[in-house]
Amino acid sequence: MSGGNEPEDIEVLPASDSDEATVADDRPAGHAGKRRGHGLLWLIVLVILIGGGWYAWQANLIPG
């Protein structure tokens, strides 16, 4: 029954959080910051690409 499954789900969530913390502890200190930096880098690249495409479209460099 679902009543029996709910406590198991509650127990699984803290276990996954502690696993993530363990993995982060095993990594070098700067690794989490670098991953966030790469996310920001990809965001900047994406914005530049979209902005460049929009500019090219507005300047009629792209037909249509």
PDB file of N, CA and C in Angstrom:
ATOM      1  N   MET A   1       0.830  -1.191   0.000  1.00  0.00           N
ATOM      2  CA  MET A   1       0.000   0.000   0.000  1.00  0.00           C
ATOM      3  C   MET A   1       0.874   1.254   0.000  1.00  0.00           C
ATOM      4  N   SER A   2       0.306   2.366  -0.448  1.00  0.00           N
ATOM      5  CA  SER A   2       1.105   3.583  -0.565  1.00  0.00           C
ATOM      6  C   SER A   2       1.566   4.073   0.812  1.00  0.00           C
ATOM      7  N   GLY A   3       0.797   3.813   1.839  1.00  0.00           N
ATOM      8  CA  GLY A   3       1.197   4.236   3.177  1.00  0.00           C
ATOM      9  C   GLY A   3       2.521   3.623   3.591  1.00  0.00           C
ATOM     10  N   GLY A   4       2.770   2.397   3.147  1.00  0.00           N
ATOM     11  CA  GLY A   4       4.043   1.756   3.453  1.00  0.00           C
ATOM     12  C   GLY A   4       5.187   2.296   2.618  1.00  0.00           C
ATOM     13  N   ASN A   5       4.886   2.814   1.427  1.00  0.00           N
ATOM     14  CA  ASN A   5       5.935   3.322   0.539  1.00  0.00           C
ATOM     15  C   ASN A   5       6.380   4.726   0.909  1.00  0.00           C
ATOM     16  N   GLU A   6       5.510   5.527   1.470  1.00  0.00           N
ATOM     17  CA  GLU A   6       5.847   6.908   1.769  1.00  0.00           C
ATOM     18  C   GLU A   6       7.037   7.041   2.720  1.00  0.00           C
ATOM     19  N   PRO A   7       7.116   6.295   3.829  1.00  0.00           N
ATOM     20  CA  PRO A   7       8.300   6.419   4.673  1.00  0.00           C
ATOM     21  C   PRO A   7       9.588   6.028   3.938  1.00  0.00           C
ATOM     22  N   GLU A   8       9.512   5.078   3.016  1.00  0.00           N
ATOM     23  CA  GLU A   8      10.703   4.711   2.250  1.00  0.00           C
ATOM     24  C   GLU A   8      11.162   5.870   1.381  1.00  0.00           C
ATOM     25  N   ASP A   9      10.217   6.574   0.748  1.00  0.00           N
ATOM     26  CA  ASP A   9      10.574   7.725  -0.074  1.00  0.00           C
ATOM     27  C   ASP A   9      11.230   8.804   0.778  1.00  0.00           C
ATOM     28  N   ILE A  10      10.717   9.015   1.970  1.00  0.00           N
ATOM     29  CA  ILE A  10      11.277  10.028   2.856  1.00  0.00           C
ATOM     30  C   ILE A  10      12.702   9.639   3.256  1.00  0.00           C
ATOM     31  N   GLU A  11      12.951   8.358   3.446  1.00  0.00           N
ATOM     32  CA  GLU A  11      14.290   7.917   3.813  1.00  0.00           C
ATOM     33  C   GLU A  11      15.257   8.021   2.638  1.00  0.00           C
ATOM     34  N   VAL A  12      14.767   7.849   1.412  1.00  0.00           N
ATOM     35  CA  VAL A  12      15.644   7.877   0.242  1.00  0.00           C
ATOM     36  C   VAL A  12      16.170   9.280  -0.007  1.00  0.00           C
ATOM     37  N   LEU A  13      15.350  10.312   0.181  1.00  0.00           N
ATOM     38  CA  LEU A  13      15.773  11.671  -0.126  1.00  0.00           C
ATOM     39  C   LEU A  13      16.986  12.118   0.700  1.00  0.00           C
ATOM     40  N   PRO A  14      16.996  11.944   2.030  1.00  0.00           N
ATOM     41  CA  PRO A  14      18.197  12.314   2.768  1.00  0.00           C
ATOM     42  C   PRO A  14      19.413  11.484   2.356  1.00  0.00           C
ATOM     43  N   ALA A  15      19.212  10.224   1.961  1.00  0.00           N
ATOM     44  CA  ALA A  15      20.339   9.397   1.544  1.00  0.00           C
ATOM     45  C   ALA A  15      20.969   9.972   0.290  1.00  0.00           C
ATOM     46  N   SER A  16      20.159  10.445  -0.667  1.00  0.00           N
ATOM     47  CA  SER A  16      20.712  11.010  -1.893  1.00  0.00           C
ATOM     48  C   SER A  16      21.441  12.322  -1.585  1.00  0.00           C
ATOM     49  N   ASP A  17      20.906  13.118  -0.657  1.00  0.00           N
ATOM     50  CA  ASP A  17      21.580  14.352  -0.292  1.00  0.00           C
ATOM     51  C   ASP A  17      22.942  14.061   0.332  1.00  0.00           C
ATOM     52  N   SER A  18      23.006  13.048   1.201  1.00  0.00           N
ATOM     53  CA  SER A  18      24.273  12.732   1.840  1.00  0.00           C
ATOM     54  C   SER A  18      25.248  12.151   0.818  1.00  0.00           C
ATOM     55  N   ASP A  19      24.743  11.408  -0.183  1.00  0.00           N
ATOM     56  CA  ASP A  19      25.619  10.893  -1.234  1.00  0.00           C
ATOM     57  C   ASP A  19      26.234  12.031  -2.040  1.00  0.00           C
ATOM     58  N   GLU A  20      25.435  13.054  -2.362  1.00  0.00           N
ATOM     59  CA  GLU A  20      25.966  14.198  -3.100  1.00  0.00           C
ATOM     60  C   GLU A  20      27.026  14.912  -2.281  1.00  0.00           C
ATOM     61  N   ALA A  21      26.776  15.048  -0.994  1.00  0.00           N
ATOM     62  CA  ALA A  21      27.753  15.703  -0.137  1.00  0.00           C
ATOM     63  C   ALA A  21      29.045  14.890  -0.093  1.00  0.00           C
ATOM     64  N   THR A  22      28.920  13.560  -0.062  1.00  0.00           N
ATOM     65  CA  THR A  22      30.108  12.714  -0.039  1.00  0.00           C
ATOM     66  C   THR A  22      30.895  12.852  -1.325  1.00  0.00           C
ATOM     67  N   VAL A  23      30.203  12.863  -2.450  1.00  0.00           N
ATOM     68  CA  VAL A  23      30.891  13.013  -3.735  1.00  0.00           C
ATOM     69  C   VAL A  23      31.588  14.357  -3.785  1.00  0.00           C
ATOM     70  N   ALA A  24      30.921  15.419  -3.322  1.00  0.00           N
ATOM     71  CA  ALA A  24      31.527  16.745  -3.326  1.00  0.00           C
ATOM     72  C   ALA A  24      32.755  16.777  -2.407  1.00  0.00           C
ATOM     73  N   ASP A  25      32.697  16.053  -1.288  1.00  0.00           N
ATOM     74  CA  ASP A  25      33.835  16.038  -0.378  1.00  0.00           C
ATOM     75  C   ASP A  25      35.029  15.328  -1.002  1.00  0.00           C
ATOM     76  N   ASP A  26      34.769  14.346  -1.857  1.00  0.00           N
ATOM     77  CA  ASP A  26      35.864  13.615  -2.488  1.00  0.00           C
ATOM     78  C   ASP A  26      36.533  14.422  -3.595  1.00  0.00           C
ATOM     79  N   ARG A  27      35.840  15.393  -4.135  1.00  0.00           N
ATOM     80  CA  ARG A  27      36.383  16.187  -5.233  1.00  0.00           C
ATOM     81  C   ARG A  27      37.320  17.262  -4.698  1.00  0.00           C
ATOM     82  N   PRO A  28      38.142  17.834  -5.583  1.00  0.00           N
ATOM     83  CA  PRO A  28      38.962  18.984  -5.177  1.00  0.00           C
ATOM     84  C   PRO A  28      38.079  20.154  -4.749  1.00  0.00           C
ATOM     85  N   ALA A  29      38.627  21.030  -3.939  1.00  0.00           N
ATOM     86  CA  ALA A  29      37.827  22.091  -3.330  1.00  0.00           C
ATOM     87  C   ALA A  29      37.178  22.998  -4.367  1.00  0.00           C
ATOM     88  N   GLY A  30      37.866  23.288  -5.456  1.00  0.00           N
ATOM     89  CA  GLY A  30      37.346  24.241  -6.425  1.00  0.00           C
ATOM     90  C   GLY A  30      36.434  23.644  -7.466  1.00  0.00           C
ATOM     91  N   HIS A  31      36.149  22.363  -7.398  1.00  0.00           N
ATOM     92  CA  HIS A  31      35.429  21.714  -8.493  1.00  0.00           C
ATOM     93  C   HIS A  31      34.001  22.226  -8.614  1.00  0.00           C
ATOM     94  N   ALA A  32      33.302  22.393  -7.501  1.00  0.00           N
ATOM     95  CA  ALA A  32      31.908  22.849  -7.560  1.00  0.00           C
ATOM     96  C   ALA A  32      31.850  24.248  -8.158  1.00  0.00           C
ATOM     97  N   GLY A  33      32.777  25.099  -7.787  1.00  0.00           N
ATOM     98  CA  GLY A  33      32.819  26.450  -8.340  1.00  0.00           C
ATOM     99  C   GLY A  33      33.091  26.429  -9.831  1.00  0.00           C
ATOM    100  N   LYS A  34      33.949  25.527 -10.274  1.00  0.00           N
ATOM    101  CA  LYS A  34      34.248  25.440 -11.698  1.00  0.00           C
ATOM    102  C   LYS A  34      33.021  24.971 -12.467  1.00  0.00           C
ATOM    103  N   ARG A  35      32.260  24.032 -11.901  1.00  0.00           N
ATOM    104  CA  ARG A  35      31.060  23.578 -12.601  1.00  0.00           C
ATOM    105  C   ARG A  35      30.069  24.724 -12.734  1.00  0.00           C
ATOM    106  N   ARG A  36      29.921  25.530 -11.692  1.00  0.00           N
ATOM    107  CA  ARG A  36      29.030  26.682 -11.781  1.00  0.00           C
ATOM    108  C   ARG A  36      29.569  27.666 -12.809  1.00  0.00           C
ATOM    109  N   GLY A  37      30.875  27.837 -12.857  1.00  0.00           N
ATOM    110  CA  GLY A  37      31.482  28.733 -13.831  1.00  0.00           C
ATOM    111  C   GLY A  37      31.217  28.272 -15.250  1.00  0.00           C
ATOM    112  N   HIS A  38      31.283  26.966 -15.484  1.00  0.00           N
ATOM    113  CA  HIS A  38      30.997  26.457 -16.816  1.00  0.00           C
ATOM    114  C   HIS A  38      29.537  26.684 -17.173  1.00  0.00           C
ATOM    115  N   GLY A  39      28.648  26.548 -16.210  1.00  0.00           N
ATOM    116  CA  GLY A  39      27.237  26.821 -16.474  1.00  0.00           C
ATOM    117  C   GLY A  39      27.039  28.270 -16.878  1.00  0.00           C
ATOM    118  N   LEU A  40      27.710  29.177 -16.194  1.00  0.00           N
ATOM    119  CA  LEU A  40      27.626  30.595 -16.528  1.00  0.00           C
ATOM    120  C   LEU A  40      28.236  30.849 -17.904  1.00  0.00           C
ATOM    121  N   LEU A  41      29.338  30.179 -18.209  1.00  0.00           N
ATOM    122  CA  LEU A  41      29.968  30.318 -19.519  1.00  0.00           C
ATOM    123  C   LEU A  41      29.010  29.889 -20.627  1.00  0.00           C
ATOM    124  N   TRP A  42      28.351  28.740 -20.444  1.00  0.00           N
ATOM    125  CA  TRP A  42      27.400  28.268 -21.457  1.00  0.00           C
ATOM    126  C   TRP A  42      26.230  29.227 -21.581  1.00  0.00           C
ATOM    127  N   LEU A  43      25.792  29.811 -20.477  1.00  0.00           N
ATOM    128  CA  LEU A  43      24.701  30.782 -20.523  1.00  0.00           C
ATOM    129  C   LEU A  43      25.119  32.002 -21.340  1.00  0.00           C
ATOM    130  N   ILE A  44      26.332  32.490 -21.106  1.00  0.00           N
ATOM    131  CA  ILE A  44      26.836  33.644 -21.857  1.00  0.00           C
ATOM    132  C   ILE A  44      26.941  33.303 -23.340  1.00  0.00           C
ATOM    133  N   VAL A  45      27.472  32.115 -23.656  1.00  0.00           N
ATOM    134  CA  VAL A  45      27.595  31.694 -25.051  1.00  0.00           C
ATOM    135  C   VAL A  45      26.219  31.615 -25.701  1.00  0.00           C
ATOM    136  N   LEU A  46      25.265  31.054 -24.998  1.00  0.00           N
ATOM    137  CA  LEU A  46      23.917  30.926 -25.535  1.00  0.00           C
ATOM    138  C   LEU A  46      23.303  32.301 -25.798  1.00  0.00           C
ATOM    139  N   VAL A  47      23.468  33.229 -24.869  1.00  0.00           N
ATOM    140  CA  VAL A  47      22.933  34.577 -25.039  1.00  0.00           C
ATOM    141  C   VAL A  47      23.588  35.262 -26.235  1.00  0.00           C
ATOM    142  N   ILE A  48      24.904  35.104 -26.394  1.00  0.00           N
ATOM    143  CA  ILE A  48      25.606  35.708 -27.528  1.00  0.00           C
ATOM    144  C   ILE A  48      25.105  35.120 -28.844  1.00  0.00           C
ATOM    145  N   LEU A  49      24.936  33.802 -28.884  1.00  0.00           N
ATOM    146  CA  LEU A  49      24.463  33.169 -30.113  1.00  0.00           C
ATOM    147  C   LEU A  49      23.043  33.625 -30.462  1.00  0.00           C
ATOM    148  N   ILE A  50      22.171  33.664 -29.473  1.00  0.00           N
ATOM    149  CA  ILE A  50      20.793  34.096 -29.724  1.00  0.00           C
ATOM    150  C   ILE A  50      20.784  35.569 -30.126  1.00  0.00           C
ATOM    151  N   GLY A  51      21.552  36.378 -29.407  1.00  0.00           N
ATOM    152  CA  GLY A  51      21.618  37.802 -29.741  1.00  0.00           C
ATOM    153  C   GLY A  51      22.191  38.035 -31.126  1.00  0.00           C
ATOM    154  N   GLY A  52      23.229  37.289 -31.486  1.00  0.00           N
ATOM    155  CA  GLY A  52      23.814  37.415 -32.816  1.00  0.00           C
ATOM    156  C   GLY A  52      22.833  36.996 -33.903  1.00  0.00           C
ATOM    157  N   GLY A  53      22.111  35.914 -33.645  1.00  0.00           N
ATOM    158  CA  GLY A  53      21.106  35.472 -34.604  1.00  0.00           C
ATOM    159  C   GLY A  53      19.988  36.477 -34.766  1.00  0.00           C
ATOM    160  N   TRP A  54      19.551  37.060 -33.649  1.00  0.00           N
ATOM    161  CA  TRP A  54      18.504  38.086 -33.705  1.00  0.00           C
ATOM    162  C   TRP A  54      18.999  39.308 -34.466  1.00  0.00           C
ATOM    163  N   TYR A  55      20.242  39.724 -34.211  1.00  0.00           N
ATOM    164  CA  TYR A  55      20.812  40.880 -34.913  1.00  0.00           C
ATOM    165  C   TYR A  55      20.900  40.617 -36.413  1.00  0.00           C
ATOM    166  N   ALA A  56      21.383  39.415 -36.768  1.00  0.00           N
ATOM    167  CA  ALA A  56      21.496  39.066 -38.181  1.00  0.00           C
ATOM    168  C   ALA A  56      20.114  39.050 -38.846  1.00  0.00           C
ATOM    169  N   TRP A  57      19.107  38.580 -38.125  1.00  0.00           N
ATOM    170  CA  TRP A  57      17.750  38.545 -38.669  1.00  0.00           C
ATOM    171  C   TRP A  57      17.223  39.965 -38.851  1.00  0.00           C
ATOM    172  N   GLN A  58      17.463  40.828 -37.863  1.00  0.00           N
ATOM    173  CA  GLN A  58      17.006  42.213 -37.955  1.00  0.00           C
ATOM    174  C   GLN A  58      17.732  42.967 -39.063  1.00  0.00           C
ATOM    175  N   ALA A  59      18.991  42.641 -39.298  1.00  0.00           N
ATOM    176  CA  ALA A  59      19.787  43.306 -40.329  1.00  0.00           C
ATOM    177  C   ALA A  59      19.566  42.678 -41.704  1.00  0.00           C
ATOM    178  N   ASN A  60      18.607  41.753 -41.798  1.00  0.00           N
ATOM    179  CA  ASN A  60      18.261  41.070 -43.048  1.00  0.00           C
ATOM    180  C   ASN A  60      19.436  40.290 -43.613  1.00  0.00           C
ATOM    181  N   LEU A  61      20.342  39.843 -42.742  1.00  0.00           N
ATOM    182  CA  LEU A  61      21.412  38.952 -43.186  1.00  0.00           C
ATOM    183  C   LEU A  61      20.883  37.534 -43.345  1.00  0.00           C
ATOM    184  N   ILE A  62      19.778  37.237 -42.642  1.00  0.00           N
ATOM    185  CA  ILE A  62      19.124  35.934 -42.751  1.00  0.00           C
ATOM    186  C   ILE A  62      17.792  36.165 -43.472  1.00  0.00           C
ATOM    187  N   PRO A  63      17.592  35.566 -44.645  1.00  0.00           N
ATOM    188  CA  PRO A  63      16.326  35.783 -45.357  1.00  0.00           C
ATOM    189  C   PRO A  63      15.127  35.283 -44.560  1.00  0.00           C
ATOM    190  N   GLY A  64      14.043  35.981 -44.672  1.00  0.00           N
ATOM    191  CA  GLY A  64      12.831  35.550 -44.002  1.00  0.00           C
ATOM    192  C   GLY A  64      12.532  36.445 -42.864  1.00  0.00           C
TER     193      GLY A  64
END
